[in-house]
Amino acid sequence: IAHGSLRITLSEYTTEEEADYIIEKVPGVVERLREMSPVWERMMQNQ
């Protein structure tokens, strides 16, 4: 689990539009990577 971390650190120059862009893109990227992940597949099988 520790291998799957993401650190996002903002600054005073970060805009709301940039925050929204992060929120828009991260879920799709996570979903795509899970589709290719044997670890995720095993997790789903063991549920």
ModelCIF file with pLDDT and N, C-alpha, C, O atoms, coordinates in Angstrom:
data_MODEL
#
_entry.id   MODEL 
#
_entity.id                         1 
_entity.type                       polymer 
_entity.pdbx_number_of_molecules   1 
#
_entity_poly.entity_id                      1 
_entity_poly.type                           'polypeptide(L)' 
_entity_poly.nstd_linkage                   no 
_entity_poly.nstd_monomer                   no 
_entity_poly.pdbx_seq_one_letter_code       IAHGSLRITLSEYTTEEEADYIIEKVPGVVERLREMSPVWERMMQNQ 
_entity_poly.pdbx_seq_one_letter_code_can   IAHGSLRITLSEYTTEEEADYIIEKVPGVVERLREMSPVWERMMQNQ 
_entity_poly.pdbx_strand_id                 A 
#
loop_
_entity_poly_seq.entity_id 
_entity_poly_seq.num 
_entity_poly_seq.mon_id 
_entity_poly_seq.hetero 
1 1  ILE n 
1 2  ALA n 
1 3  HIS n 
1 4  GLY n 
1 5  SER n 
1 6  LEU n 
1 7  ARG n 
1 8  ILE n 
1 9  THR n 
1 10 LEU n 
1 11 SER n 
1 12 GLU n 
1 13 TYR n 
1 14 THR n 
1 15 THR n 
1 16 GLU n 
1 17 GLU n 
1 18 GLU n 
1 19 ALA n 
1 20 ASP n 
1 21 TYR n 
1 22 ILE n 
1 23 ILE n 
1 24 GLU n 
1 25 LYS n 
1 26 VAL n 
1 27 PRO n 
1 28 GLY n 
1 29 VAL n 
1 30 VAL n 
1 31 GLU n 
1 32 ARG n 
1 33 LEU n 
1 34 ARG n 
1 35 GLU n 
1 36 MET n 
1 37 SER n 
1 38 PRO n 
1 39 VAL n 
1 40 TRP n 
1 41 GLU n 
1 42 ARG n 
1 43 MET n 
1 44 MET n 
1 45 GLN n 
1 46 ASN n 
1 47 GLN n 
#
_struct_asym.id          A 
_struct_asym.entity_id   1 
#
loop_
_ma_qa_metric.id 
_ma_qa_metric.mode 
_ma_qa_metric.name 
_ma_qa_metric.software_group_id 
_ma_qa_metric.type 
1 global pLDDT . pLDDT 
2 local  pLDDT . pLDDT 
#
_ma_qa_metric_global.metric_id      1 
_ma_qa_metric_global.metric_value   92.43 
_ma_qa_metric_global.model_id       1 
_ma_qa_metric_global.ordinal_id     1 
#
loop_
_ma_qa_metric_local.label_asym_id 
_ma_qa_metric_local.label_comp_id 
_ma_qa_metric_local.label_seq_id 
_ma_qa_metric_local.metric_id 
_ma_qa_metric_local.metric_value 
_ma_qa_metric_local.model_id 
_ma_qa_metric_local.ordinal_id 
A ILE 1  2 89.00 1 1  
A ALA 2  2 89.00 1 2  
A HIS 3  2 87.00 1 3  
A GLY 4  2 88.00 1 4  
A SER 5  2 94.00 1 5  
A LEU 6  2 96.00 1 6  
A ARG 7  2 97.00 1 7  
A ILE 8  2 98.00 1 8  
A THR 9  2 98.00 1 9  
A LEU 10 2 98.00 1 10 
A SER 11 2 98.00 1 11 
A GLU 12 2 96.00 1 12 
A TYR 13 2 97.00 1 13 
A THR 14 2 98.00 1 14 
A THR 15 2 98.00 1 15 
A GLU 16 2 98.00 1 16 
A GLU 17 2 98.00 1 17 
A GLU 18 2 98.00 1 18 
A ALA 19 2 98.00 1 19 
A ASP 20 2 98.00 1 20 
A TYR 21 2 98.00 1 21 
A ILE 22 2 98.00 1 22 
A ILE 23 2 98.00 1 23 
A GLU 24 2 98.00 1 24 
A LYS 25 2 98.00 1 25 
A VAL 26 2 98.00 1 26 
A PRO 27 2 98.00 1 27 
A GLY 28 2 97.00 1 28 
A VAL 29 2 97.00 1 29 
A VAL 30 2 97.00 1 30 
A GLU 31 2 95.00 1 31 
A ARG 32 2 96.00 1 32 
A LEU 33 2 95.00 1 33 
A ARG 34 2 92.00 1 34 
A GLU 35 2 91.00 1 35 
A MET 36 2 90.00 1 36 
A SER 37 2 85.00 1 37 
A PRO 38 2 80.00 1 38 
A VAL 39 2 82.00 1 39 
A TRP 40 2 84.00 1 40 
A GLU 41 2 80.00 1 41 
A ARG 42 2 85.00 1 42 
A MET 43 2 81.00 1 43 
A MET 44 2 84.00 1 44 
A GLN 45 2 82.00 1 45 
A ASN 46 2 80.00 1 46 
A GLN 47 2 74.00 1 47 
#
loop_
_atom_site.group_PDB 
_atom_site.id 
_atom_site.type_symbol 
_atom_site.label_atom_id 
_atom_site.label_alt_id 
_atom_site.label_comp_id 
_atom_site.label_asym_id 
_atom_site.label_entity_id 
_atom_site.label_seq_id 
_atom_site.pdbx_PDB_ins_code 
_atom_site.Cartn_x 
_atom_site.Cartn_y 
_atom_site.Cartn_z 
_atom_site.occupancy 
_atom_site.B_iso_or_equiv 
_atom_site.pdbx_formal_charge 
_atom_site.auth_seq_id 
_atom_site.auth_comp_id 
_atom_site.auth_asym_id 
_atom_site.auth_atom_id 
_atom_site.pdbx_PDB_model_num 
ATOM 1   N N  . ILE A 1 1  ? 0.834   -1.200  0.000   1.00 89.00 ? 1  ILE A N  1 
ATOM 2   C CA . ILE A 1 1  ? 0.000   0.000   0.000   1.00 89.00 ? 1  ILE A CA 1 
ATOM 3   C C  . ILE A 1 1  ? 0.871   1.254   0.000   1.00 89.00 ? 1  ILE A C  1 
ATOM 4   O O  . ILE A 1 1  ? 0.547   2.244   -0.655  1.00 89.00 ? 1  ILE A O  1 
ATOM 5   N N  . ALA A 1 2  ? 1.973   1.203   0.735   1.00 89.00 ? 2  ALA A N  1 
ATOM 6   C CA . ALA A 1 2  ? 2.880   2.351   0.793   1.00 89.00 ? 2  ALA A CA 1 
ATOM 7   C C  . ALA A 1 2  ? 3.447   2.689   -0.584  1.00 89.00 ? 2  ALA A C  1 
ATOM 8   O O  . ALA A 1 2  ? 3.811   3.836   -0.843  1.00 89.00 ? 2  ALA A O  1 
ATOM 9   N N  . HIS A 1 3  ? 3.524   1.692   -1.467  1.00 87.00 ? 3  HIS A N  1 
ATOM 10  C CA . HIS A 1 3  ? 4.026   1.930   -2.818  1.00 87.00 ? 3  HIS A CA 1 
ATOM 11  C C  . HIS A 1 3  ? 3.058   2.774   -3.648  1.00 87.00 ? 3  HIS A C  1 
ATOM 12  O O  . HIS A 1 3  ? 3.467   3.376   -4.641  1.00 87.00 ? 3  HIS A O  1 
ATOM 13  N N  . GLY A 1 4  ? 1.780   2.826   -3.257  1.00 88.00 ? 4  GLY A N  1 
ATOM 14  C CA . GLY A 1 4  ? 0.775   3.521   -4.067  1.00 88.00 ? 4  GLY A CA 1 
ATOM 15  C C  . GLY A 1 4  ? 0.404   4.888   -3.544  1.00 88.00 ? 4  GLY A C  1 
ATOM 16  O O  . GLY A 1 4  ? -0.777  5.233   -3.498  1.00 88.00 ? 4  GLY A O  1 
ATOM 17  N N  . SER A 1 5  ? 1.392   5.676   -3.150  1.00 94.00 ? 5  SER A N  1 
ATOM 18  C CA . SER A 1 5  ? 1.106   6.987   -2.557  1.00 94.00 ? 5  SER A CA 1 
ATOM 19  C C  . SER A 1 5  ? 1.258   8.104   -3.573  1.00 94.00 ? 5  SER A C  1 
ATOM 20  O O  . SER A 1 5  ? 1.992   7.988   -4.554  1.00 94.00 ? 5  SER A O  1 
ATOM 21  N N  . LEU A 1 6  ? 0.542   9.191   -3.309  1.00 96.00 ? 6  LEU A N  1 
ATOM 22  C CA . LEU A 1 6  ? 0.613   10.395  -4.127  1.00 96.00 ? 6  LEU A CA 1 
ATOM 23  C C  . LEU A 1 6  ? 0.679   11.593  -3.202  1.00 96.00 ? 6  LEU A C  1 
ATOM 24  O O  . LEU A 1 6  ? -0.196  11.785  -2.358  1.00 96.00 ? 6  LEU A O  1 
ATOM 25  N N  . ARG A 1 7  ? 1.732   12.412  -3.363  1.00 97.00 ? 7  ARG A N  1 
ATOM 26  C CA . ARG A 1 7  ? 1.852   13.650  -2.593  1.00 97.00 ? 7  ARG A CA 1 
ATOM 27  C C  . ARG A 1 7  ? 1.605   14.832  -3.511  1.00 97.00 ? 7  ARG A C  1 
ATOM 28  O O  . ARG A 1 7  ? 2.314   15.032  -4.498  1.00 97.00 ? 7  ARG A O  1 
ATOM 29  N N  . ILE A 1 8  ? 0.593   15.610  -3.172  1.00 98.00 ? 8  ILE A N  1 
ATOM 30  C CA . ILE A 1 8  ? 0.260   16.840  -3.883  1.00 98.00 ? 8  ILE A CA 1 
ATOM 31  C C  . ILE A 1 8  ? 0.515   17.991  -2.924  1.00 98.00 ? 8  ILE A C  1 
ATOM 32  O O  . ILE A 1 8  ? -0.107  18.064  -1.864  1.00 98.00 ? 8  ILE A O  1 
ATOM 33  N N  . THR A 1 9  ? 1.415   18.884  -3.281  1.00 98.00 ? 9  THR A N  1 
ATOM 34  C CA . THR A 1 9  ? 1.700   20.017  -2.402  1.00 98.00 ? 9  THR A CA 1 
ATOM 35  C C  . THR A 1 9  ? 1.523   21.316  -3.174  1.00 98.00 ? 9  THR A C  1 
ATOM 36  O O  . THR A 1 9  ? 2.099   21.508  -4.245  1.00 98.00 ? 9  THR A O  1 
ATOM 37  N N  . LEU A 1 10 ? 0.724   22.190  -2.612  1.00 98.00 ? 10 LEU A N  1 
ATOM 38  C CA . LEU A 1 10 ? 0.286   23.421  -3.264  1.00 98.00 ? 10 LEU A CA 1 
ATOM 39  C C  . LEU A 1 10 ? 1.153   24.601  -2.834  1.00 98.00 ? 10 LEU A C  1 
ATOM 40  O O  . LEU A 1 10 ? 2.020   24.466  -1.970  1.00 98.00 ? 10 LEU A O  1 
ATOM 41  N N  . SER A 1 11 ? 0.909   25.755  -3.446  1.00 98.00 ? 11 SER A N  1 
ATOM 42  C CA . SER A 1 11 ? 1.604   26.976  -3.059  1.00 98.00 ? 11 SER A CA 1 
ATOM 43  C C  . SER A 1 11 ? 0.639   28.144  -3.143  1.00 98.00 ? 11 SER A C  1 
ATOM 44  O O  . SER A 1 11 ? -0.518  27.977  -3.527  1.00 98.00 ? 11 SER A O  1 
ATOM 45  N N  . GLU A 1 12 ? 1.120   29.327  -2.784  1.00 96.00 ? 12 GLU A N  1 
ATOM 46  C CA . GLU A 1 12 ? 0.265   30.503  -2.864  1.00 96.00 ? 12 GLU A CA 1 
ATOM 47  C C  . GLU A 1 12 ? -0.089  30.848  -4.305  1.00 96.00 ? 12 GLU A C  1 
ATOM 48  O O  . GLU A 1 12 ? -1.004  31.634  -4.554  1.00 96.00 ? 12 GLU A O  1 
ATOM 49  N N  . TYR A 1 13 ? 0.643   30.255  -5.261  1.00 97.00 ? 13 TYR A N  1 
ATOM 50  C CA . TYR A 1 13 ? 0.359   30.507  -6.668  1.00 97.00 ? 13 TYR A CA 1 
ATOM 51  C C  . TYR A 1 13 ? -0.633  29.501  -7.259  1.00 97.00 ? 13 TYR A C  1 
ATOM 52  O O  . TYR A 1 13 ? -1.086  29.675  -8.390  1.00 97.00 ? 13 TYR A O  1 
ATOM 53  N N  . THR A 1 14 ? -0.972  28.454  -6.508  1.00 98.00 ? 14 THR A N  1 
ATOM 54  C CA . THR A 1 14 ? -1.913  27.448  -7.007  1.00 98.00 ? 14 THR A CA 1 
ATOM 55  C C  . THR A 1 14 ? -3.306  28.056  -7.135  1.00 98.00 ? 14 THR A C  1 
ATOM 56  O O  . THR A 1 14 ? -3.783  28.724  -6.217  1.00 98.00 ? 14 THR A O  1 
ATOM 57  N N  . THR A 1 15 ? -3.951  27.827  -8.262  1.00 98.00 ? 15 THR A N  1 
ATOM 58  C CA . THR A 1 15 ? -5.286  28.378  -8.507  1.00 98.00 ? 15 THR A CA 1 
ATOM 59  C C  . THR A 1 15 ? -6.363  27.320  -8.274  1.00 98.00 ? 15 THR A C  1 
ATOM 60  O O  . THR A 1 15 ? -6.074  26.124  -8.218  1.00 98.00 ? 15 THR A O  1 
ATOM 61  N N  . GLU A 1 16 ? -7.595  27.773  -8.139  1.00 98.00 ? 16 GLU A N  1 
ATOM 62  C CA . GLU A 1 16 ? -8.707  26.838  -7.997  1.00 98.00 ? 16 GLU A CA 1 
ATOM 63  C C  . GLU A 1 16 ? -8.881  26.015  -9.268  1.00 98.00 ? 16 GLU A C  1 
ATOM 64  O O  . GLU A 1 16 ? -9.263  24.846  -9.206  1.00 98.00 ? 16 GLU A O  1 
ATOM 65  N N  . GLU A 1 17 ? -8.604  26.618  -10.414 1.00 98.00 ? 17 GLU A N  1 
ATOM 66  C CA . GLU A 1 17 ? -8.703  25.886  -11.676 1.00 98.00 ? 17 GLU A CA 1 
ATOM 67  C C  . GLU A 1 17 ? -7.691  24.736  -11.717 1.00 98.00 ? 17 GLU A C  1 
ATOM 68  O O  . GLU A 1 17 ? -7.988  23.657  -12.230 1.00 98.00 ? 17 GLU A O  1 
ATOM 69  N N  . GLU A 1 18 ? -6.514  24.974  -11.179 1.00 98.00 ? 18 GLU A N  1 
ATOM 70  C CA . GLU A 1 18 ? -5.506  23.909  -11.130 1.00 98.00 ? 18 GLU A CA 1 
ATOM 71  C C  . GLU A 1 18 ? -5.927  22.801  -10.176 1.00 98.00 ? 18 GLU A C  1 
ATOM 72  O O  . GLU A 1 18 ? -5.745  21.621  -10.475 1.00 98.00 ? 18 GLU A O  1 
ATOM 73  N N  . ALA A 1 19 ? -6.490  23.174  -9.028  1.00 98.00 ? 19 ALA A N  1 
ATOM 74  C CA . ALA A 1 19 ? -6.985  22.167  -8.089  1.00 98.00 ? 19 ALA A CA 1 
ATOM 75  C C  . ALA A 1 19 ? -8.088  21.332  -8.736  1.00 98.00 ? 19 ALA A C  1 
ATOM 76  O O  . ALA A 1 19 ? -8.113  20.111  -8.585  1.00 98.00 ? 19 ALA A O  1 
ATOM 77  N N  . ASP A 1 20 ? -8.985  21.978  -9.446  1.00 98.00 ? 20 ASP A N  1 
ATOM 78  C CA . ASP A 1 20 ? -10.072 21.269  -10.123 1.00 98.00 ? 20 ASP A CA 1 
ATOM 79  C C  . ASP A 1 20 ? -9.532  20.331  -11.209 1.00 98.00 ? 20 ASP A C  1 
ATOM 80  O O  . ASP A 1 20 ? -10.081 19.252  -11.430 1.00 98.00 ? 20 ASP A O  1 
ATOM 81  N N  . TYR A 1 21 ? -8.470  20.742  -11.875 1.00 98.00 ? 21 TYR A N  1 
ATOM 82  C CA . TYR A 1 21 ? -7.856  19.906  -12.914 1.00 98.00 ? 21 TYR A CA 1 
ATOM 83  C C  . TYR A 1 21 ? -7.270  18.634  -12.293 1.00 98.00 ? 21 TYR A C  1 
ATOM 84  O O  . TYR A 1 21 ? -7.400  17.547  -12.855 1.00 98.00 ? 21 TYR A O  1 
ATOM 85  N N  . ILE A 1 22 ? -6.625  18.778  -11.135 1.00 98.00 ? 22 ILE A N  1 
ATOM 86  C CA . ILE A 1 22 ? -6.103  17.604  -10.420 1.00 98.00 ? 22 ILE A CA 1 
ATOM 87  C C  . ILE A 1 22 ? -7.251  16.661  -10.063 1.00 98.00 ? 22 ILE A C  1 
ATOM 88  O O  . ILE A 1 22 ? -7.164  15.450  -10.267 1.00 98.00 ? 22 ILE A O  1 
ATOM 89  N N  . ILE A 1 23 ? -8.327  17.238  -9.526  1.00 98.00 ? 23 ILE A N  1 
ATOM 90  C CA . ILE A 1 23 ? -9.495  16.443  -9.124  1.00 98.00 ? 23 ILE A CA 1 
ATOM 91  C C  . ILE A 1 23 ? -10.110 15.740  -10.334 1.00 98.00 ? 23 ILE A C  1 
ATOM 92  O O  . ILE A 1 23 ? -10.603 14.618  -10.216 1.00 98.00 ? 23 ILE A O  1 
ATOM 93  N N  . GLU A 1 24 ? -10.082 16.383  -11.471 1.00 98.00 ? 24 GLU A N  1 
ATOM 94  C CA . GLU A 1 24 ? -10.646 15.805  -12.698 1.00 98.00 ? 24 GLU A CA 1 
ATOM 95  C C  . GLU A 1 24 ? -9.812  14.632  -13.211 1.00 98.00 ? 24 GLU A C  1 
ATOM 96  O O  . GLU A 1 24 ? -10.370 13.624  -13.645 1.00 98.00 ? 24 GLU A O  1 
ATOM 97  N N  . LYS A 1 25 ? -8.495  14.747  -13.168 1.00 98.00 ? 25 LYS A N  1 
ATOM 98  C CA . LYS A 1 25 ? -7.627  13.773  -13.829 1.00 98.00 ? 25 LYS A CA 1 
ATOM 99  C C  . LYS A 1 25 ? -7.245  12.573  -12.965 1.00 98.00 ? 25 LYS A C  1 
ATOM 100 O O  . LYS A 1 25 ? -7.116  11.467  -13.489 1.00 98.00 ? 25 LYS A O  1 
ATOM 101 N N  . VAL A 1 26 ? -7.061  12.757  -11.666 1.00 98.00 ? 26 VAL A N  1 
ATOM 102 C CA . VAL A 1 26 ? -6.552  11.666  -10.833 1.00 98.00 ? 26 VAL A CA 1 
ATOM 103 C C  . VAL A 1 26 ? -7.467  10.434  -10.841 1.00 98.00 ? 26 VAL A C  1 
ATOM 104 O O  . VAL A 1 26 ? -6.953  9.328   -11.005 1.00 98.00 ? 26 VAL A O  1 
ATOM 105 N N  . PRO A 1 27 ? -8.785  10.556  -10.675 1.00 98.00 ? 27 PRO A N  1 
ATOM 106 C CA . PRO A 1 27 ? -9.616  9.349   -10.640 1.00 98.00 ? 27 PRO A CA 1 
ATOM 107 C C  . PRO A 1 27 ? -9.495  8.487   -11.893 1.00 98.00 ? 27 PRO A C  1 
ATOM 108 O O  . PRO A 1 27 ? -9.426  7.262   -11.793 1.00 98.00 ? 27 PRO A O  1 
ATOM 109 N N  . GLY A 1 28 ? -9.468  9.104   -13.058 1.00 97.00 ? 28 GLY A N  1 
ATOM 110 C CA . GLY A 1 28 ? -9.349  8.344   -14.297 1.00 97.00 ? 28 GLY A CA 1 
ATOM 111 C C  . GLY A 1 28 ? -8.012  7.637   -14.409 1.00 97.00 ? 28 GLY A C  1 
ATOM 112 O O  . GLY A 1 28 ? -7.939  6.509   -14.895 1.00 97.00 ? 28 GLY A O  1 
ATOM 113 N N  . VAL A 1 29 ? -6.953  8.297   -13.962 1.00 97.00 ? 29 VAL A N  1 
ATOM 114 C CA . VAL A 1 29 ? -5.630  7.688   -13.997 1.00 97.00 ? 29 VAL A CA 1 
ATOM 115 C C  . VAL A 1 29 ? -5.574  6.493   -13.043 1.00 97.00 ? 29 VAL A C  1 
ATOM 116 O O  . VAL A 1 29 ? -5.026  5.447   -13.392 1.00 97.00 ? 29 VAL A O  1 
ATOM 117 N N  . VAL A 1 30 ? -6.128  6.641   -11.860 1.00 97.00 ? 30 VAL A N  1 
ATOM 118 C CA . VAL A 1 30 ? -6.162  5.539   -10.898 1.00 97.00 ? 30 VAL A CA 1 
ATOM 119 C C  . VAL A 1 30 ? -6.947  4.358   -11.480 1.00 97.00 ? 30 VAL A C  1 
ATOM 120 O O  . VAL A 1 30 ? -6.509  3.212   -11.390 1.00 97.00 ? 30 VAL A O  1 
ATOM 121 N N  . GLU A 1 31 ? -8.088  4.641   -12.065 1.00 95.00 ? 31 GLU A N  1 
ATOM 122 C CA . GLU A 1 31 ? -8.915  3.579   -12.663 1.00 95.00 ? 31 GLU A CA 1 
ATOM 123 C C  . GLU A 1 31 ? -8.158  2.860   -13.769 1.00 95.00 ? 31 GLU A C  1 
ATOM 124 O O  . GLU A 1 31 ? -8.177  1.631   -13.839 1.00 95.00 ? 31 GLU A O  1 
ATOM 125 N N  . ARG A 1 32 ? -7.494  3.615   -14.629 1.00 96.00 ? 32 ARG A N  1 
ATOM 126 C CA . ARG A 1 32 ? -6.740  3.012   -15.730 1.00 96.00 ? 32 ARG A CA 1 
ATOM 127 C C  . ARG A 1 32 ? -5.619  2.127   -15.213 1.00 96.00 ? 32 ARG A C  1 
ATOM 128 O O  . ARG A 1 32 ? -5.417  1.029   -15.731 1.00 96.00 ? 32 ARG A O  1 
ATOM 129 N N  . LEU A 1 33 ? -4.902  2.570   -14.223 1.00 95.00 ? 33 LEU A N  1 
ATOM 130 C CA . LEU A 1 33 ? -3.803  1.776   -13.666 1.00 95.00 ? 33 LEU A CA 1 
ATOM 131 C C  . LEU A 1 33 ? -4.317  0.515   -12.983 1.00 95.00 ? 33 LEU A C  1 
ATOM 132 O O  . LEU A 1 33 ? -3.680  -0.536  -13.052 1.00 95.00 ? 33 LEU A O  1 
ATOM 133 N N  . ARG A 1 34 ? -5.459  0.618   -12.331 1.00 92.00 ? 34 ARG A N  1 
ATOM 134 C CA . ARG A 1 34 ? -6.029  -0.564  -11.682 1.00 92.00 ? 34 ARG A CA 1 
ATOM 135 C C  . ARG A 1 34 ? -6.478  -1.604  -12.696 1.00 92.00 ? 34 ARG A C  1 
ATOM 136 O O  . ARG A 1 34 ? -6.431  -2.803  -12.422 1.00 92.00 ? 34 ARG A O  1 
ATOM 137 N N  . GLU A 1 35 ? -6.905  -1.159  -13.845 1.00 91.00 ? 35 GLU A N  1 
ATOM 138 C CA . GLU A 1 35 ? -7.300  -2.092  -14.899 1.00 91.00 ? 35 GLU A CA 1 
ATOM 139 C C  . GLU A 1 35 ? -6.113  -2.931  -15.365 1.00 91.00 ? 35 GLU A C  1 
ATOM 140 O O  . GLU A 1 35 ? -6.293  -4.051  -15.844 1.00 91.00 ? 35 GLU A O  1 
ATOM 141 N N  . MET A 1 36 ? -4.906  -2.395  -15.226 1.00 90.00 ? 36 MET A N  1 
ATOM 142 C CA . MET A 1 36 ? -3.695  -3.094  -15.658 1.00 90.00 ? 36 MET A CA 1 
ATOM 143 C C  . MET A 1 36 ? -2.970  -3.783  -14.505 1.00 90.00 ? 36 MET A C  1 
ATOM 144 O O  . MET A 1 36 ? -1.941  -4.425  -14.720 1.00 90.00 ? 36 MET A O  1 
ATOM 145 N N  . SER A 1 37 ? -3.490  -3.658  -13.289 1.00 85.00 ? 37 SER A N  1 
ATOM 146 C CA . SER A 1 37 ? -2.757  -4.114  -12.102 1.00 85.00 ? 37 SER A CA 1 
ATOM 147 C C  . SER A 1 37 ? -3.166  -5.502  -11.642 1.00 85.00 ? 37 SER A C  1 
ATOM 148 O O  . SER A 1 37 ? -4.327  -5.714  -11.292 1.00 85.00 ? 37 SER A O  1 
ATOM 149 N N  . PRO A 1 38 ? -2.226  -6.466  -11.634 1.00 80.00 ? 38 PRO A N  1 
ATOM 150 C CA . PRO A 1 38 ? -2.540  -7.790  -11.084 1.00 80.00 ? 38 PRO A CA 1 
ATOM 151 C C  . PRO A 1 38 ? -2.796  -7.740  -9.574  1.00 80.00 ? 38 PRO A C  1 
ATOM 152 O O  . PRO A 1 38 ? -3.541  -8.559  -9.035  1.00 80.00 ? 38 PRO A O  1 
ATOM 153 N N  . VAL A 1 39 ? -2.169  -6.765  -8.898  1.00 82.00 ? 39 VAL A N  1 
ATOM 154 C CA . VAL A 1 39 ? -2.397  -6.607  -7.451  1.00 82.00 ? 39 VAL A CA 1 
ATOM 155 C C  . VAL A 1 39 ? -3.853  -6.225  -7.198  1.00 82.00 ? 39 VAL A C  1 
ATOM 156 O O  . VAL A 1 39 ? -4.503  -6.781  -6.313  1.00 82.00 ? 39 VAL A O  1 
ATOM 157 N N  . TRP A 1 40 ? -4.355  -5.278  -7.977  1.00 84.00 ? 40 TRP A N  1 
ATOM 158 C CA . TRP A 1 40 ? -5.753  -4.864  -7.840  1.00 84.00 ? 40 TRP A CA 1 
ATOM 159 C C  . TRP A 1 40 ? -6.704  -6.015  -8.169  1.00 84.00 ? 40 TRP A C  1 
ATOM 160 O O  . TRP A 1 40 ? -7.726  -6.198  -7.508  1.00 84.00 ? 40 TRP A O  1 
ATOM 161 N N  . GLU A 1 41 ? -6.357  -6.784  -9.192  1.00 80.00 ? 41 GLU A N  1 
ATOM 162 C CA . GLU A 1 41 ? -7.194  -7.925  -9.581  1.00 80.00 ? 41 GLU A CA 1 
ATOM 163 C C  . GLU A 1 41 ? -7.289  -8.937  -8.448  1.00 80.00 ? 41 GLU A C  1 
ATOM 164 O O  . GLU A 1 41 ? -8.371  -9.445  -8.154  1.00 80.00 ? 41 GLU A O  1 
ATOM 165 N N  . ARG A 1 42 ? -6.156  -9.231  -7.809  1.00 85.00 ? 42 ARG A N  1 
ATOM 166 C CA . ARG A 1 42 ? -6.165  -10.167 -6.674  1.00 85.00 ? 42 ARG A CA 1 
ATOM 167 C C  . ARG A 1 42 ? -6.987  -9.612  -5.514  1.00 85.00 ? 42 ARG A C  1 
ATOM 168 O O  . ARG A 1 42 ? -7.707  -10.354 -4.846  1.00 85.00 ? 42 ARG A O  1 
ATOM 169 N N  . MET A 1 43 ? -6.877  -8.299  -5.276  1.00 81.00 ? 43 MET A N  1 
ATOM 170 C CA . MET A 1 43 ? -7.665  -7.675  -4.207  1.00 81.00 ? 43 MET A CA 1 
ATOM 171 C C  . MET A 1 43 ? -9.155  -7.862  -4.442  1.00 81.00 ? 43 MET A C  1 
ATOM 172 O O  . MET A 1 43 ? -9.899  -8.189  -3.518  1.00 81.00 ? 43 MET A O  1 
ATOM 173 N N  . MET A 1 44 ? -9.583  -7.656  -5.666  1.00 84.00 ? 44 MET A N  1 
ATOM 174 C CA . MET A 1 44 ? -11.005 -7.775  -5.986  1.00 84.00 ? 44 MET A CA 1 
ATOM 175 C C  . MET A 1 44 ? -11.477 -9.218  -5.890  1.00 84.00 ? 44 MET A C  1 
ATOM 176 O O  . MET A 1 44 ? -12.612 -9.479  -5.493  1.00 84.00 ? 44 MET A O  1 
ATOM 177 N N  . GLN A 1 45 ? -10.614 -10.147 -6.250  1.00 82.00 ? 45 GLN A N  1 
ATOM 178 C CA . GLN A 1 45 ? -10.980 -11.563 -6.166  1.00 82.00 ? 45 GLN A CA 1 
ATOM 179 C C  . GLN A 1 45 ? -11.107 -12.042 -4.729  1.00 82.00 ? 45 GLN A C  1 
ATOM 180 O O  . GLN A 1 45 ? -11.891 -12.942 -4.431  1.00 82.00 ? 45 GLN A O  1 
ATOM 181 N N  . ASN A 1 46 ? -10.323 -11.428 -3.836  1.00 80.00 ? 46 ASN A N  1 
ATOM 182 C CA . ASN A 1 46 ? -10.316 -11.846 -2.438  1.00 80.00 ? 46 ASN A CA 1 
ATOM 183 C C  . ASN A 1 46 ? -11.381 -11.168 -1.591  1.00 80.00 ? 46 ASN A C  1 
ATOM 184 O O  . ASN A 1 46 ? -11.535 -11.478 -0.410  1.00 80.00 ? 46 ASN A O  1 
ATOM 185 N N  . GLN A 1 47 ? -12.115 -10.242 -2.199  1.00 74.00 ? 47 GLN A N  1 
ATOM 186 C CA . GLN A 1 47 ? -13.137 -9.536  -1.421  1.00 74.00 ? 47 GLN A CA 1 
ATOM 187 C C  . GLN A 1 47 ? -14.344 -10.434 -1.158  1.00 74.00 ? 47 GLN A C  1 
ATOM 188 O O  . GLN A 1 47 ? -15.304 -10.006 -0.516  1.00 74.00 ? 47 GLN A O  1 
#
